[in-house]
Amino acid sequence: MSSVTSSWRQRRQAARTRRAIDRALARTSSPAMRDDLLTLANGSLPSMYVR
């Protein structure tokens, strides 16, 4: 597999993960749950969800 294909797949996976995290954050019912989700998200995508 070429490096271009590999990079594309990694970007697509990161985009799917970001969208899933955004959907989960939108559905949270409490600020504590939102904080927990952000903590988990920072572990997988630190540059995207640091607040």
PDB file of N, CA and C in Angstrom:
ATOM      1  N   MET A   1       0.850  -1.171   0.000  1.00  0.00           N
ATOM      2  CA  MET A   1       0.000   0.000   0.000  1.00  0.00           C
ATOM      3  C   MET A   1       0.899   1.239   0.000  1.00  0.00           C
ATOM      4  N   SER A   2       0.547   2.178  -0.795  1.00  0.00           N
ATOM      5  CA  SER A   2       1.367   3.384  -0.901  1.00  0.00           C
ATOM      6  C   SER A   2       1.175   4.284   0.315  1.00  0.00           C
ATOM      7  N   SER A   3       2.127   5.151   0.499  1.00  0.00           N
ATOM      8  CA  SER A   3       2.031   6.070   1.636  1.00  0.00           C
ATOM      9  C   SER A   3       0.879   7.059   1.456  1.00  0.00           C
ATOM     10  N   VAL A   4       0.542   7.379   0.220  1.00  0.00           N
ATOM     11  CA  VAL A   4      -0.585   8.281  -0.041  1.00  0.00           C
ATOM     12  C   VAL A   4      -1.881   7.623   0.418  1.00  0.00           C
ATOM     13  N   THR A   5      -2.056   6.358   0.072  1.00  0.00           N
ATOM     14  CA  THR A   5      -3.257   5.627   0.478  1.00  0.00           C
ATOM     15  C   THR A   5      -3.317   5.491   1.993  1.00  0.00           C
ATOM     16  N   SER A   6      -2.196   5.202   2.595  1.00  0.00           N
ATOM     17  CA  SER A   6      -2.134   5.066   4.041  1.00  0.00           C
ATOM     18  C   SER A   6      -2.486   6.382   4.728  1.00  0.00           C
ATOM     19  N   SER A   7      -1.946   7.472   4.248  1.00  0.00           N
ATOM     20  CA  SER A   7      -2.252   8.792   4.821  1.00  0.00           C
ATOM     21  C   SER A   7      -3.729   9.129   4.663  1.00  0.00           C
ATOM     22  N   TRP A   8      -4.285   8.821   3.503  1.00  0.00           N
ATOM     23  CA  TRP A   8      -5.696   9.095   3.249  1.00  0.00           C
ATOM     24  C   TRP A   8      -6.568   8.302   4.220  1.00  0.00           C
ATOM     25  N   ARG A   9      -6.258   7.038   4.414  1.00  0.00           N
ATOM     26  CA  ARG A   9      -7.042   6.214   5.333  1.00  0.00           C
ATOM     27  C   ARG A   9      -6.939   6.723   6.765  1.00  0.00           C
ATOM     28  N   GLN A  10      -5.769   7.153   7.175  1.00  0.00           N
ATOM     29  CA  GLN A  10      -5.606   7.699   8.522  1.00  0.00           C
ATOM     30  C   GLN A  10      -6.422   8.972   8.702  1.00  0.00           C
ATOM     31  N   ARG A  11      -6.424   9.839   7.698  1.00  0.00           N
ATOM     32  CA  ARG A  11      -7.223  11.074   7.782  1.00  0.00           C
ATOM     33  C   ARG A  11      -8.710  10.763   7.834  1.00  0.00           C
ATOM     34  N   ARG A  12      -9.152   9.804   7.037  1.00  0.00           N
ATOM     35  CA  ARG A  12     -10.567   9.422   7.034  1.00  0.00           C
ATOM     36  C   ARG A  12     -10.977   8.849   8.383  1.00  0.00           C
ATOM     37  N   GLN A  13     -10.122   8.005   8.977  1.00  0.00           N
ATOM     38  CA  GLN A  13     -10.421   7.435  10.285  1.00  0.00           C
ATOM     39  C   GLN A  13     -10.487   8.530  11.353  1.00  0.00           C
ATOM     40  N   ALA A  14      -9.566   9.472  11.301  1.00  0.00           N
ATOM     41  CA  ALA A  14      -9.577  10.582  12.260  1.00  0.00           C
ATOM     42  C   ALA A  14     -10.855  11.400  12.098  1.00  0.00           C
ATOM     43  N   ALA A  15     -11.284  11.629  10.863  1.00  0.00           N
ATOM     44  CA  ALA A  15     -12.515  12.391  10.625  1.00  0.00           C
ATOM     45  C   ALA A  15     -13.725  11.648  11.182  1.00  0.00           C
ATOM     46  N   ARG A  16     -13.790  10.334  10.986  1.00  0.00           N
ATOM     47  CA  ARG A  16     -14.900   9.548  11.529  1.00  0.00           C
ATOM     48  C   ARG A  16     -14.902   9.601  13.054  1.00  0.00           C
ATOM     49  N   THR A  17     -13.724   9.514  13.638  1.00  0.00           N
ATOM     50  CA  THR A  17     -13.621   9.562  15.095  1.00  0.00           C
ATOM     51  C   THR A  17     -14.073  10.917  15.620  1.00  0.00           C
ATOM     52  N   ARG A  18     -13.638  12.012  14.967  1.00  0.00           N
ATOM     53  CA  ARG A  18     -14.066  13.348  15.383  1.00  0.00           C
ATOM     54  C   ARG A  18     -15.576  13.498  15.318  1.00  0.00           C
ATOM     55  N   ARG A  19     -16.175  13.010  14.231  1.00  0.00           N
ATOM     56  CA  ARG A  19     -17.631  13.115  14.095  1.00  0.00           C
ATOM     57  C   ARG A  19     -18.347  12.309  15.174  1.00  0.00           C
ATOM     58  N   ALA A  20     -17.844  11.129  15.484  1.00  0.00           N
ATOM     59  CA  ALA A  20     -18.459  10.310  16.531  1.00  0.00           C
ATOM     60  C   ALA A  20     -18.355  10.999  17.884  1.00  0.00           C
ATOM     61  N   ILE A  21     -17.215  11.586  18.169  1.00  0.00           N
ATOM     62  CA  ILE A  21     -17.046  12.306  19.436  1.00  0.00           C
ATOM     63  C   ILE A  21     -17.968  13.512  19.482  1.00  0.00           C
ATOM     64  N   ASP A  22     -18.068  14.242  18.385  1.00  0.00           N
ATOM     65  CA  ASP A  22     -18.967  15.404  18.340  1.00  0.00           C
ATOM     66  C   ASP A  22     -20.417  14.991  18.588  1.00  0.00           C
ATOM     67  N   ARG A  23     -20.844  13.873  17.994  1.00  0.00           N
ATOM     68  CA  ARG A  23     -22.214  13.393  18.217  1.00  0.00           C
ATOM     69  C   ARG A  23     -22.413  13.006  19.675  1.00  0.00           C
ATOM     70  N   ALA A  24     -21.444  12.330  20.263  1.00  0.00           N
ATOM     71  CA  ALA A  24     -21.549  11.932  21.673  1.00  0.00           C
ATOM     72  C   ALA A  24     -21.609  13.159  22.579  1.00  0.00           C
ATOM     73  N   LEU A  25     -20.803  14.162  22.291  1.00  0.00           N
ATOM     74  CA  LEU A  25     -20.821  15.383  23.094  1.00  0.00           C
ATOM     75  C   LEU A  25     -22.168  16.095  22.988  1.00  0.00           C
ATOM     76  N   ALA A  26     -22.762  16.073  21.814  1.00  0.00           N
ATOM     77  CA  ALA A  26     -24.052  16.734  21.621  1.00  0.00           C
ATOM     78  C   ALA A  26     -25.171  16.026  22.391  1.00  0.00           C
ATOM     79  N   ARG A  27     -25.018  14.726  22.623  1.00  0.00           N
ATOM     80  CA  ARG A  27     -26.064  13.958  23.313  1.00  0.00           C
ATOM     81  C   ARG A  27     -25.892  13.905  24.826  1.00  0.00           C
ATOM     82  N   THR A  28     -24.814  14.415  25.362  1.00  0.00           N
ATOM     83  CA  THR A  28     -24.592  14.303  26.809  1.00  0.00           C
ATOM     84  C   THR A  28     -25.630  15.099  27.577  1.00  0.00           C
ATOM     85  N   SER A  29     -25.960  14.568  28.740  1.00  0.00           N
ATOM     86  CA  SER A  29     -27.003  15.214  29.534  1.00  0.00           C
ATOM     87  C   SER A  29     -26.440  16.042  30.678  1.00  0.00           C
ATOM     88  N   SER A  30     -25.154  15.898  30.957  1.00  0.00           N
ATOM     89  CA  SER A  30     -24.604  16.646  32.085  1.00  0.00           C
ATOM     90  C   SER A  30     -23.209  17.171  31.766  1.00  0.00           C
ATOM     91  N   PRO A  31     -22.822  18.253  32.412  1.00  0.00           N
ATOM     92  CA  PRO A  31     -21.469  18.782  32.211  1.00  0.00           C
ATOM     93  C   PRO A  31     -20.387  17.783  32.631  1.00  0.00           C
ATOM     94  N   ALA A  32     -20.660  16.979  33.645  1.00  0.00           N
ATOM     95  CA  ALA A  32     -19.669  15.989  34.090  1.00  0.00           C
ATOM     96  C   ALA A  32     -19.419  14.942  33.012  1.00  0.00           C
ATOM     97  N   MET A  33     -20.486  14.483  32.354  1.00  0.00           N
ATOM     98  CA  MET A  33     -20.328  13.500  31.285  1.00  0.00           C
ATOM     99  C   MET A  33     -19.578  14.124  30.112  1.00  0.00           C
ATOM    100  N   ARG A  34     -19.862  15.383  29.810  1.00  0.00           N
ATOM    101  CA  ARG A  34     -19.154  16.080  28.736  1.00  0.00           C
ATOM    102  C   ARG A  34     -17.660  16.156  29.052  1.00  0.00           C
ATOM    103  N   ASP A  35     -17.330  16.485  30.294  1.00  0.00           N
ATOM    104  CA  ASP A  35     -15.924  16.538  30.693  1.00  0.00           C
ATOM    105  C   ASP A  35     -15.255  15.173  30.554  1.00  0.00           C
ATOM    106  N   ASP A  36     -15.967  14.119  30.941  1.00  0.00           N
ATOM    107  CA  ASP A  36     -15.412  12.766  30.801  1.00  0.00           C
ATOM    108  C   ASP A  36     -15.160  12.428  29.338  1.00  0.00           C
ATOM    109  N   LEU A  37     -16.114  12.765  28.477  1.00  0.00           N
ATOM    110  CA  LEU A  37     -15.937  12.497  27.051  1.00  0.00           C
ATOM    111  C   LEU A  37     -14.773  13.293  26.467  1.00  0.00           C
ATOM    112  N   LEU A  38     -14.645  14.550  26.883  1.00  0.00           N
ATOM    113  CA  LEU A  38     -13.524  15.359  26.396  1.00  0.00           C
ATOM    114  C   LEU A  38     -12.187  14.783  26.861  1.00  0.00           C
ATOM    115  N   THR A  39     -12.162  14.260  28.088  1.00  0.00           N
ATOM    116  CA  THR A  39     -10.943  13.635  28.594  1.00  0.00           C
ATOM    117  C   THR A  39     -10.581  12.423  27.744  1.00  0.00           C
ATOM    118  N   LEU A  40     -11.577  11.602  27.424  1.00  0.00           N
ATOM    119  CA  LEU A  40     -11.329  10.445  26.564  1.00  0.00           C
ATOM    120  C   LEU A  40     -10.895  10.874  25.163  1.00  0.00           C
ATOM    121  N   ALA A  41     -11.548  11.902  24.642  1.00  0.00           N
ATOM    122  CA  ALA A  41     -11.210  12.382  23.298  1.00  0.00           C
ATOM    123  C   ALA A  41      -9.789  12.925  23.253  1.00  0.00           C
ATOM    124  N   ASN A  42      -9.362  13.584  24.308  1.00  0.00           N
ATOM    125  CA  ASN A  42      -8.008  14.123  24.331  1.00  0.00           C
ATOM    126  C   ASN A  42      -6.966  13.017  24.302  1.00  0.00           C
ATOM    127  N   GLY A  43      -7.327  11.840  24.765  1.00  0.00           N
ATOM    128  CA  GLY A  43      -6.416  10.711  24.703  1.00  0.00           C
ATOM    129  C   GLY A  43      -6.250  10.169  23.296  1.00  0.00           C
ATOM    130  N   SER A  44      -7.306  10.278  22.471  1.00  0.00           N
ATOM    131  CA  SER A  44      -7.220   9.729  21.121  1.00  0.00           C
ATOM    132  C   SER A  44      -6.881  10.780  20.065  1.00  0.00           C
ATOM    133  N   LEU A  45      -7.317  12.021  20.278  1.00  0.00           N
ATOM    134  CA  LEU A  45      -7.068  13.089  19.316  1.00  0.00           C
ATOM    135  C   LEU A  45      -6.676  14.362  20.056  1.00  0.00           C
ATOM    136  N   PRO A  46      -5.510  14.415  20.639  1.00  0.00           N
ATOM    137  CA  PRO A  46      -5.165  15.538  21.504  1.00  0.00           C
ATOM    138  C   PRO A  46      -5.217  16.897  20.829  1.00  0.00           C
ATOM    139  N   SER A  47      -4.902  16.988  19.561  1.00  0.00           N
ATOM    140  CA  SER A  47      -4.874  18.307  18.922  1.00  0.00           C
ATOM    141  C   SER A  47      -6.255  18.814  18.553  1.00  0.00           C
ATOM    142  N   MET A  48      -7.267  17.949  18.598  1.00  0.00           N
ATOM    143  CA  MET A  48      -8.590  18.347  18.124  1.00  0.00           C
ATOM    144  C   MET A  48      -9.491  18.869  19.230  1.00  0.00           C
ATOM    145  N   TYR A  49      -9.371  18.361  20.447  1.00  0.00           N
ATOM    146  CA  TYR A  49     -10.364  18.661  21.463  1.00  0.00           C
ATOM    147  C   TYR A  49      -9.809  19.283  22.726  1.00  0.00           C
ATOM    148  N   VAL A  50      -8.636  19.827  22.664  1.00  0.00           N
ATOM    149  CA  VAL A  50      -8.078  20.496  23.838  1.00  0.00           C
ATOM    150  C   VAL A  50      -8.843  21.788  24.047  1.00  0.00           C
ATOM    151  N   ARG A  51      -9.424  21.969  25.249  1.00  0.00           N
ATOM    152  CA  ARG A  51     -10.211  23.174  25.505  1.00  0.00           C
ATOM    153  C   ARG A  51      -9.786  23.794  26.784  1.00  0.00           C
TER     154      ARG A  51
END
